[in-house]
Amino acid sequence: MNGEVFKALASPVRREILSRLSHGDLNAGQIADGFDISKPSISNHLAILKRAGLISDERDGRTIVYHLNETIFQELMKWLIDFSDAQAREKRS
């Protein structure tokens, strides 16, 4: 896990994209539905999420389908738990 993960998670739009993908794989058009931003902007957000390793894509004919990279979320959760535990230990001492 790198700093790009936290940078990617800083955007409310990207967090909403991740939320939508948590329900299943989607193509860019399906992801863009319901957002009041341009498709090129959605594509930029998808590229940032992909660079951070939070999502991956797969070509299905002429369509690109996006899905969550669950491994990175498991690493993030482990880091958050370890961080929380360290903070709790620090407060007790």
Protein backbone atom coordinates (compact mmCIF):
# COMPACT_ATOMS: atom_id res chain seq x y z
CA MET A 1 0.00 0.00 0.00
CA ASN A 2 1.38 3.40 -0.94
CA GLY A 3 0.53 7.09 -0.62
CA GLU A 4 -1.39 6.93 -3.88
CA VAL A 5 -4.09 4.94 -2.07
CA PHE A 6 -4.79 7.76 0.37
CA LYS A 7 -4.63 10.36 -2.39
CA ALA A 8 -7.17 8.37 -4.39
CA LEU A 9 -9.45 8.00 -1.37
CA ALA A 10 -9.39 11.77 -0.72
CA SER A 11 -11.94 12.45 -3.46
CA PRO A 12 -15.66 12.03 -2.68
CA VAL A 13 -16.27 11.12 -6.33
CA ARG A 14 -13.69 8.34 -6.21
CA ARG A 15 -15.09 7.05 -2.91
CA GLU A 16 -18.55 6.93 -4.52
CA ILE A 17 -17.12 5.03 -7.51
CA LEU A 18 -15.60 2.51 -5.09
CA SER A 19 -18.92 2.23 -3.29
CA ARG A 20 -20.70 1.46 -6.56
CA LEU A 21 -18.07 -1.12 -7.48
CA SER A 22 -18.48 -2.77 -4.08
CA HIS A 23 -21.84 -4.03 -5.35
CA GLY A 24 -20.34 -5.62 -8.46
CA ASP A 25 -18.34 -5.04 -11.61
CA LEU A 26 -19.36 -2.11 -13.84
CA ASN A 27 -18.28 -0.55 -17.10
CA ALA A 28 -17.42 3.16 -17.36
CA GLY A 29 -20.87 4.10 -18.65
CA GLN A 30 -22.57 2.36 -15.75
CA ILE A 31 -20.21 4.05 -13.31
CA ALA A 32 -20.85 7.47 -14.89
CA ASP A 33 -24.65 7.12 -14.59
CA GLY A 34 -25.90 9.33 -11.80
CA PHE A 35 -22.82 11.54 -11.63
CA ASP A 36 -23.15 15.16 -12.70
CA ILE A 37 -19.65 15.26 -14.19
CA SER A 38 -18.30 14.57 -17.66
CA LYS A 39 -17.32 11.12 -18.89
CA PRO A 40 -13.71 12.27 -19.40
CA SER A 41 -13.67 13.33 -15.74
CA ILE A 42 -14.99 9.88 -14.72
CA SER A 43 -12.25 8.32 -16.86
CA ASN A 44 -9.65 10.43 -15.05
CA HIS A 45 -10.99 9.31 -11.66
CA LEU A 46 -10.91 5.67 -12.83
CA ALA A 47 -7.29 6.09 -13.96
CA ILE A 48 -6.32 7.47 -10.52
CA LEU A 49 -8.07 4.58 -8.76
CA LYS A 50 -6.36 2.10 -11.07
CA ARG A 51 -2.92 3.69 -10.56
CA ALA A 52 -3.44 3.43 -6.80
CA GLY A 53 -4.24 -0.26 -7.20
CA LEU A 54 -7.76 0.12 -5.78
CA ILE A 55 -9.43 -1.13 -8.95
CA SER A 56 -8.48 -3.14 -11.98
CA ASP A 57 -10.05 -3.46 -15.38
CA GLU A 58 -10.65 -6.17 -17.89
CA ARG A 59 -11.65 -5.92 -21.52
CA ASP A 60 -14.87 -7.70 -22.46
CA GLY A 61 -15.13 -7.28 -26.21
CA ARG A 62 -15.34 -3.53 -26.82
CA THR A 63 -16.20 -2.77 -23.20
CA ILE A 64 -13.85 -2.28 -20.27
CA VAL A 65 -15.23 -3.65 -17.02
CA TYR A 66 -13.92 -2.35 -13.69
CA HIS A 67 -13.78 -4.22 -10.40
CA LEU A 68 -12.40 -3.68 -6.91
CA ASN A 69 -9.00 -4.98 -5.92
CA GLU A 70 -10.03 -6.57 -2.63
CA THR A 71 -6.42 -7.28 -1.62
CA ILE A 72 -5.62 -3.58 -1.29
CA PHE A 73 -8.72 -3.06 0.88
CA GLN A 74 -7.64 -5.93 3.13
CA GLU A 75 -4.20 -4.31 3.48
CA LEU A 76 -5.85 -0.95 4.22
CA MET A 77 -8.07 -2.49 6.90
CA LYS A 78 -5.07 -4.22 8.50
CA TRP A 79 -3.16 -0.93 8.53
CA LEU A 80 -6.13 0.90 10.09
CA ILE A 81 -6.51 -1.75 12.79
CA ASP A 82 -2.77 -1.73 13.54
CA PHE A 83 -2.82 2.08 13.67
CA SER A 84 -5.83 2.09 15.98
CA ASP A 85 -4.24 -0.51 18.26
CA ALA A 86 -1.01 1.51 18.44
CA GLN A 87 -2.96 4.64 19.35
CA ALA A 88 -4.85 2.78 22.07
CA ARG A 89 -1.59 1.39 23.53
CA GLU A 90 -0.07 4.88 23.49
CA LYS A 91 -3.02 6.32 25.41
CA ARG A 92 -2.77 3.58 28.05
CA SER A 93 0.92 4.22 28.71
